[in-house]
Amino acid sequence: MIPKIKENIENYSSKLTKILNQEVELGNEIIETSKGWPDEKTIIIFLKKPFIAEYRIENVEYRNVDDPHYWKAEYVDNSTKHVLACKF
């Protein structure tokens, strides 16, 4: 795994990691990670496909972004401001 991607995953929100792990088990895959936008501490992980399942976790908000310039949807951990986003 590329060091930057590994570092971002290791420092990622534990709540969003639960969703991420479930999505990977269901066949989705990580295609990119990003750090520092829109907030300096924000980490974003992008999945290749739309979310396969729906998740309800305390203090995690689902947003249907549906903007081709950005991504289809996201889960945001309100305590860390980390984001798990999925492509179209």
Protein backbone atom coordinates (compact mmCIF):
# COMPACT_ATOMS: atom_id res chain seq x y z
CA MET A 1 0.00 0.00 0.00
CA ILE A 2 1.26 3.51 -0.81
CA PRO A 3 2.64 5.12 2.40
CA LYS A 4 0.40 8.22 2.24
CA ILE A 5 -2.73 6.07 1.81
CA LYS A 6 -1.62 3.79 4.65
CA GLU A 7 -0.97 6.79 6.93
CA ASN A 8 -4.40 8.29 6.18
CA ILE A 9 -6.14 4.97 6.86
CA GLU A 10 -4.22 4.43 10.11
CA ASN A 11 -5.28 7.90 11.38
CA TYR A 12 -8.86 7.63 10.13
CA SER A 13 -12.04 7.94 12.20
CA SER A 14 -12.85 4.70 14.02
CA LYS A 15 -16.56 5.17 13.27
CA LEU A 16 -15.98 5.60 9.55
CA THR A 17 -13.50 2.72 9.57
CA LYS A 18 -16.41 0.43 10.55
CA ILE A 19 -18.30 1.56 7.45
CA LEU A 20 -15.18 1.36 5.29
CA ASN A 21 -14.41 -2.20 6.40
CA GLN A 22 -17.99 -3.32 5.73
CA GLU A 23 -17.98 -1.74 2.27
CA VAL A 24 -14.68 -3.44 1.38
CA GLU A 25 -16.05 -6.78 2.60
CA LEU A 26 -19.08 -6.25 0.34
CA GLY A 27 -16.83 -5.65 -2.69
CA ASN A 28 -16.21 -1.90 -2.76
CA GLU A 29 -12.62 -0.68 -2.91
CA ILE A 30 -10.55 2.33 -1.88
CA ILE A 31 -9.38 4.34 -4.88
CA GLU A 32 -7.97 7.48 -3.25
CA THR A 33 -7.32 9.27 0.03
CA SER A 34 -6.85 12.94 0.76
CA LYS A 35 -5.86 15.01 3.77
CA GLY A 36 -6.14 18.70 4.60
CA TRP A 37 -9.35 19.81 2.84
CA PRO A 38 -11.71 21.41 3.64
CA ASP A 39 -10.13 21.53 7.12
CA GLU A 40 -6.47 20.95 7.98
CA LYS A 41 -7.31 17.79 9.99
CA THR A 42 -9.84 16.36 7.53
CA ILE A 43 -9.08 12.96 6.01
CA ILE A 44 -11.21 11.81 3.07
CA ILE A 45 -11.29 8.26 1.77
CA PHE A 46 -12.92 7.65 -1.61
CA LEU A 47 -14.61 4.40 -2.59
CA LYS A 48 -14.80 3.26 -6.21
CA LYS A 49 -18.53 2.48 -6.27
CA PRO A 50 -21.65 3.88 -4.58
CA PHE A 51 -22.23 2.67 -1.04
CA ILE A 52 -23.50 -0.90 -1.08
CA ALA A 53 -25.30 -0.74 2.27
CA GLU A 54 -26.82 1.92 4.55
CA TYR A 55 -25.31 2.71 7.94
CA ARG A 56 -26.55 4.44 11.06
CA ILE A 57 -23.86 5.31 13.57
CA GLU A 58 -24.15 7.88 16.32
CA ASN A 59 -22.59 11.25 15.41
CA VAL A 60 -22.07 10.16 11.77
CA GLU A 61 -24.07 12.05 9.17
CA TYR A 62 -25.02 10.74 5.71
CA ARG A 63 -25.17 13.27 2.86
CA ASN A 64 -26.36 12.67 -0.69
CA VAL A 65 -23.96 15.02 -2.51
CA ASP A 66 -24.93 13.85 -6.03
CA ASP A 67 -22.53 16.26 -7.76
CA PRO A 68 -20.43 14.87 -10.64
CA HIS A 69 -17.74 17.48 -9.90
CA TYR A 70 -17.30 15.97 -6.44
CA TRP A 71 -18.90 12.60 -5.57
CA LYS A 72 -22.17 10.75 -5.16
CA ALA A 73 -22.54 10.53 -1.37
CA GLU A 74 -20.62 10.71 1.88
CA TYR A 75 -20.60 9.84 5.55
CA VAL A 76 -19.09 12.49 7.83
CA ASP A 77 -17.89 11.82 11.37
CA ASN A 78 -18.99 15.03 13.10
CA SER A 79 -16.43 14.64 15.88
CA THR A 80 -13.34 14.28 13.63
CA LYS A 81 -14.68 15.89 10.41
CA HIS A 82 -13.33 12.90 8.49
CA VAL A 83 -15.26 11.88 5.38
CA LEU A 84 -15.96 8.58 3.63
CA ALA A 85 -17.10 9.39 0.10
CA CYS A 86 -18.22 7.21 -2.79
CA LYS A 87 -17.99 7.80 -6.51
CA PHE A 88 -20.86 7.35 -8.97
